[in-house]
Amino acid sequence: MTPAIFNPRTRSLVRGNVLVFTSVAVATLLSKFPHIRATPWLVLPFLGCLAGMADTLRCIQKRWNLYHGGVMFCLYMDLMAIMLVLFFLVYPYLVWLGEA
């Protein structure tokens, strides 16, 4: 019997958050953070963040309660993580265009 976190058919808030955190960590390593480098491999962590946000979105409930508020908080966190990965992806190209 496997835990629910490994079953993609069940809703799991933990699985979505772990996927987003892992994607941000991988994006930070790929971009070599303080000295941000342009690499197309950053698209993979971006897609991982989108998948994690979709998995978190599945956990939302129709009626408002504290769990619903916690899921909304996690969705905002996922959105900030997506913007961070997009910054790592796009910023080096914008700097390159500004220097040209």
N, C-alpha and C. Protein backbone atom coordinates (compact mmCIF):
# COMPACT_ATOMS: atom_id res chain seq x y z
N MET A 1 0.84 -1.17 0.00
CA MET A 1 0.00 0.00 0.00
C MET A 1 0.90 1.24 0.00
N THR A 2 0.74 2.09 -1.00
CA THR A 2 1.58 3.29 -1.12
C THR A 2 0.89 4.48 -0.47
N PRO A 3 1.68 5.42 0.04
CA PRO A 3 1.09 6.63 0.63
C PRO A 3 0.38 7.47 -0.44
N ALA A 4 -0.55 8.30 0.00
CA ALA A 4 -1.33 9.12 -0.93
C ALA A 4 -0.48 10.14 -1.67
N ILE A 5 0.65 10.51 -1.11
CA ILE A 5 1.49 11.52 -1.75
C ILE A 5 2.07 11.01 -3.07
N PHE A 6 2.21 9.71 -3.22
CA PHE A 6 2.77 9.14 -4.45
C PHE A 6 1.71 8.77 -5.47
N ASN A 7 0.45 8.88 -5.13
CA ASN A 7 -0.63 8.56 -6.04
C ASN A 7 -1.11 9.84 -6.73
N PRO A 8 -0.86 10.00 -8.04
CA PRO A 8 -1.24 11.26 -8.69
C PRO A 8 -2.75 11.45 -8.84
N ARG A 9 -3.54 10.43 -8.60
CA ARG A 9 -4.99 10.57 -8.71
C ARG A 9 -5.62 11.20 -7.48
N THR A 10 -4.92 11.17 -6.36
CA THR A 10 -5.45 11.77 -5.14
C THR A 10 -4.92 13.19 -5.00
N ARG A 11 -5.68 14.01 -4.29
CA ARG A 11 -5.25 15.38 -4.04
C ARG A 11 -4.22 15.39 -2.92
N SER A 12 -3.13 16.12 -3.12
CA SER A 12 -2.10 16.19 -2.10
C SER A 12 -1.47 17.58 -2.13
N LEU A 13 -1.70 18.33 -1.07
CA LEU A 13 -1.13 19.66 -0.96
C LEU A 13 0.38 19.58 -0.77
N VAL A 14 0.83 18.57 -0.07
CA VAL A 14 2.27 18.40 0.18
C VAL A 14 3.01 18.13 -1.13
N ARG A 15 2.44 17.29 -1.99
CA ARG A 15 3.10 16.96 -3.25
C ARG A 15 3.28 18.20 -4.12
N GLY A 16 2.27 19.06 -4.19
CA GLY A 16 2.37 20.29 -4.98
C GLY A 16 3.42 21.23 -4.44
N ASN A 17 3.45 21.39 -3.11
CA ASN A 17 4.43 22.30 -2.51
C ASN A 17 5.85 21.77 -2.66
N VAL A 18 6.04 20.48 -2.48
CA VAL A 18 7.38 19.89 -2.64
C VAL A 18 7.85 20.04 -4.08
N LEU A 19 6.95 19.87 -5.03
CA LEU A 19 7.31 20.02 -6.44
C LEU A 19 7.75 21.45 -6.75
N VAL A 20 7.04 22.43 -6.20
CA VAL A 20 7.40 23.83 -6.42
C VAL A 20 8.73 24.16 -5.75
N PHE A 21 8.91 23.75 -4.49
CA PHE A 21 10.17 24.03 -3.79
C PHE A 21 11.35 23.38 -4.50
N THR A 22 11.18 22.16 -4.96
CA THR A 22 12.26 21.48 -5.67
C THR A 22 12.58 22.18 -6.98
N SER A 23 11.55 22.63 -7.68
CA SER A 23 11.77 23.33 -8.95
C SER A 23 12.52 24.65 -8.74
N VAL A 24 12.19 25.36 -7.68
CA VAL A 24 12.89 26.62 -7.40
C VAL A 24 14.35 26.34 -7.03
N ALA A 25 14.58 25.29 -6.25
CA ALA A 25 15.96 24.94 -5.89
C ALA A 25 16.77 24.56 -7.12
N VAL A 26 16.17 23.78 -8.02
CA VAL A 26 16.86 23.38 -9.25
C VAL A 26 17.12 24.61 -10.13
N ALA A 27 16.14 25.52 -10.20
CA ALA A 27 16.31 26.73 -11.01
C ALA A 27 17.43 27.60 -10.45
N THR A 28 17.54 27.67 -9.13
CA THR A 28 18.61 28.45 -8.51
C THR A 28 19.97 27.85 -8.82
N LEU A 29 20.05 26.53 -8.78
CA LEU A 29 21.32 25.87 -9.10
C LEU A 29 21.67 26.01 -10.58
N LEU A 30 20.68 25.87 -11.45
CA LEU A 30 20.94 25.96 -12.89
C LEU A 30 21.36 27.37 -13.31
N SER A 31 20.80 28.38 -12.65
CA SER A 31 21.12 29.74 -13.06
C SER A 31 22.41 30.25 -12.42
N LYS A 32 23.00 29.47 -11.50
CA LYS A 32 24.22 29.86 -10.78
C LYS A 32 23.98 31.21 -10.13
N PHE A 33 23.09 31.23 -9.16
CA PHE A 33 22.36 32.40 -8.69
C PHE A 33 23.11 33.73 -8.58
N PRO A 34 24.09 33.95 -7.79
CA PRO A 34 24.49 35.37 -7.73
C PRO A 34 24.94 35.90 -9.09
N HIS A 35 25.49 35.05 -9.90
CA HIS A 35 25.92 35.44 -11.25
C HIS A 35 24.99 34.73 -12.23
N ILE A 36 23.83 35.31 -12.46
CA ILE A 36 22.78 34.66 -13.24
C ILE A 36 23.25 34.43 -14.67
N ARG A 37 23.14 33.21 -15.12
CA ARG A 37 23.54 32.81 -16.46
C ARG A 37 22.31 32.42 -17.27
N ALA A 38 22.35 32.69 -18.55
CA ALA A 38 21.25 32.33 -19.44
C ALA A 38 21.38 30.87 -19.85
N THR A 39 20.36 30.09 -19.59
CA THR A 39 20.35 28.70 -20.01
C THR A 39 18.91 28.29 -20.33
N PRO A 40 18.70 27.63 -21.45
CA PRO A 40 17.33 27.20 -21.78
C PRO A 40 16.83 26.06 -20.90
N TRP A 41 17.70 25.45 -20.10
CA TRP A 41 17.28 24.37 -19.21
C TRP A 41 16.35 24.87 -18.11
N LEU A 42 16.28 26.18 -17.91
CA LEU A 42 15.41 26.74 -16.89
C LEU A 42 13.93 26.60 -17.24
N VAL A 43 13.64 26.18 -18.46
CA VAL A 43 12.25 25.94 -18.83
C VAL A 43 11.70 24.72 -18.05
N LEU A 44 12.55 23.76 -17.76
CA LEU A 44 12.09 22.57 -17.03
C LEU A 44 11.65 22.89 -15.61
N PRO A 45 12.41 23.67 -14.81
CA PRO A 45 11.89 24.05 -13.50
C PRO A 45 10.63 24.92 -13.59
N PHE A 46 10.54 25.73 -14.65
CA PHE A 46 9.33 26.53 -14.84
C PHE A 46 8.11 25.63 -15.04
N LEU A 47 8.27 24.60 -15.86
CA LEU A 47 7.16 23.65 -16.05
C LEU A 47 6.87 22.87 -14.77
N GLY A 48 7.91 22.57 -13.99
CA GLY A 48 7.71 21.91 -12.70
C GLY A 48 6.91 22.79 -11.74
N CYS A 49 7.19 24.09 -11.74
CA CYS A 49 6.42 25.01 -10.91
C CYS A 49 4.97 25.08 -11.35
N LEU A 50 4.74 25.08 -12.65
CA LEU A 50 3.36 25.09 -13.15
C LEU A 50 2.62 23.82 -12.76
N ALA A 51 3.31 22.68 -12.84
CA ALA A 51 2.69 21.41 -12.45
C ALA A 51 2.39 21.39 -10.95
N GLY A 52 3.29 21.93 -10.15
CA GLY A 52 3.06 22.00 -8.71
C GLY A 52 1.90 22.92 -8.37
N MET A 53 1.79 24.04 -9.09
CA MET A 53 0.68 24.94 -8.85
C MET A 53 -0.65 24.30 -9.25
N ALA A 54 -0.64 23.56 -10.35
CA ALA A 54 -1.86 22.86 -10.76
C ALA A 54 -2.26 21.80 -9.73
N ASP A 55 -1.28 21.13 -9.16
CA ASP A 55 -1.57 20.12 -8.14
C ASP A 55 -2.10 20.79 -6.87
N THR A 56 -1.59 21.96 -6.52
CA THR A 56 -2.10 22.69 -5.37
C THR A 56 -3.51 23.20 -5.65
N LEU A 57 -3.77 23.63 -6.86
CA LEU A 57 -5.09 24.14 -7.24
C LEU A 57 -6.16 23.07 -7.13
N ARG A 58 -5.78 21.82 -7.34
CA ARG A 58 -6.75 20.73 -7.22
C ARG A 58 -7.28 20.57 -5.80
N CYS A 59 -6.54 21.07 -4.81
CA CYS A 59 -6.90 20.90 -3.40
C CYS A 59 -7.89 21.95 -2.90
N ILE A 60 -8.21 22.93 -3.72
CA ILE A 60 -9.08 24.01 -3.26
C ILE A 60 -10.51 23.49 -3.08
N GLN A 61 -11.22 24.05 -2.13
CA GLN A 61 -12.59 23.63 -1.84
C GLN A 61 -13.56 24.73 -2.25
N LYS A 62 -14.83 24.35 -2.44
CA LYS A 62 -15.83 25.32 -2.90
C LYS A 62 -16.23 26.29 -1.79
N ARG A 63 -16.39 25.79 -0.59
CA ARG A 63 -16.78 26.64 0.53
C ARG A 63 -15.54 27.14 1.25
N TRP A 64 -15.60 28.39 1.73
CA TRP A 64 -14.45 28.96 2.40
C TRP A 64 -14.35 28.42 3.81
N ASN A 65 -13.17 27.96 4.18
CA ASN A 65 -12.83 27.61 5.56
C ASN A 65 -11.33 27.85 5.71
N LEU A 66 -10.77 27.51 6.83
CA LEU A 66 -9.34 27.78 7.04
C LEU A 66 -8.46 26.97 6.09
N TYR A 67 -8.87 25.77 5.74
CA TYR A 67 -8.10 24.98 4.78
C TYR A 67 -8.08 25.67 3.43
N HIS A 68 -9.22 26.20 3.01
CA HIS A 68 -9.31 26.93 1.74
C HIS A 68 -8.38 28.14 1.78
N GLY A 69 -8.33 28.85 2.90
CA GLY A 69 -7.43 29.99 3.04
C GLY A 69 -5.97 29.56 2.97
N GLY A 70 -5.64 28.41 3.57
CA GLY A 70 -4.27 27.90 3.50
C GLY A 70 -3.88 27.52 2.09
N VAL A 71 -4.82 26.95 1.34
CA VAL A 71 -4.55 26.59 -0.05
C VAL A 71 -4.35 27.86 -0.88
N MET A 72 -5.14 28.89 -0.62
CA MET A 72 -4.95 30.16 -1.33
C MET A 72 -3.58 30.75 -1.02
N PHE A 73 -3.16 30.66 0.23
CA PHE A 73 -1.82 31.13 0.61
C PHE A 73 -0.75 30.36 -0.15
N CYS A 74 -0.91 29.06 -0.27
CA CYS A 74 0.05 28.23 -1.02
C CYS A 74 0.04 28.59 -2.51
N LEU A 75 -1.14 28.92 -3.06
CA LEU A 75 -1.20 29.32 -4.46
C LEU A 75 -0.46 30.63 -4.70
N TYR A 76 -0.57 31.56 -3.76
CA TYR A 76 0.19 32.80 -3.90
C TYR A 76 1.69 32.54 -3.81
N MET A 77 2.08 31.61 -2.94
CA MET A 77 3.49 31.23 -2.85
C MET A 77 3.96 30.61 -4.15
N ASP A 78 3.12 29.76 -4.75
CA ASP A 78 3.47 29.15 -6.03
C ASP A 78 3.63 30.21 -7.12
N LEU A 79 2.75 31.20 -7.10
CA LEU A 79 2.85 32.27 -8.09
C LEU A 79 4.14 33.06 -7.94
N MET A 80 4.56 33.32 -6.70
CA MET A 80 5.83 34.02 -6.49
C MET A 80 7.00 33.16 -6.95
N ALA A 81 6.93 31.85 -6.74
CA ALA A 81 7.99 30.96 -7.20
C ALA A 81 8.06 30.94 -8.72
N ILE A 82 6.92 30.94 -9.38
CA ILE A 82 6.89 30.98 -10.84
C ILE A 82 7.54 32.27 -11.35
N MET A 83 7.23 33.38 -10.71
CA MET A 83 7.83 34.66 -11.12
C MET A 83 9.34 34.67 -10.89
N LEU A 84 9.81 34.03 -9.82
CA LEU A 84 11.25 33.94 -9.56
C LEU A 84 11.94 33.13 -10.65
N VAL A 85 11.36 32.01 -11.03
CA VAL A 85 11.97 31.18 -12.08
C VAL A 85 11.91 31.92 -13.42
N LEU A 86 10.83 32.63 -13.69
CA LEU A 86 10.77 33.43 -14.92
C LEU A 86 11.82 34.54 -14.91
N PHE A 87 12.09 35.12 -13.75
CA PHE A 87 13.14 36.13 -13.64
C PHE A 87 14.49 35.51 -13.98
N PHE A 88 14.78 34.33 -13.42
CA PHE A 88 16.03 33.64 -13.74
C PHE A 88 16.13 33.33 -15.23
N LEU A 89 14.99 33.05 -15.85
CA LEU A 89 14.97 32.67 -17.26
C LEU A 89 15.13 33.87 -18.19
N VAL A 90 14.47 34.98 -17.88
CA VAL A 90 14.38 36.09 -18.81
C VAL A 90 15.43 37.17 -18.56
N TYR A 91 15.82 37.41 -17.32
CA TYR A 91 16.70 38.53 -16.98
C TYR A 91 18.02 38.54 -17.75
N PRO A 92 18.74 37.42 -17.89
CA PRO A 92 20.01 37.48 -18.64
C PRO A 92 19.83 37.92 -20.09
N TYR A 93 18.72 37.55 -20.71
CA TYR A 93 18.48 37.95 -22.09
C TYR A 93 18.16 39.45 -22.17
N LEU A 94 17.45 39.97 -21.16
CA LEU A 94 17.15 41.40 -21.15
C LEU A 94 18.43 42.23 -20.93
N VAL A 95 19.32 41.75 -20.10
CA VAL A 95 20.59 42.44 -19.90
C VAL A 95 21.41 42.40 -21.17
N TRP A 96 21.40 41.25 -21.84
CA TRP A 96 22.14 41.12 -23.09
C TRP A 96 21.60 42.06 -24.16
N LEU A 97 20.27 42.22 -24.23
CA LEU A 97 19.68 43.13 -25.20
C LEU A 97 20.00 44.59 -24.86
N GLY A 98 20.10 44.90 -23.57
CA GLY A 98 20.42 46.26 -23.17
C GLY A 98 21.85 46.66 -23.48
N GLU A 99 22.77 45.67 -23.45
CA GLU A 99 24.16 45.96 -23.74
C GLU A 99 24.43 46.08 -25.24
N ALA A 100 23.59 45.47 -26.05
CA ALA A 100 23.84 45.46 -27.50
C ALA A 100 23.58 46.80 -28.14
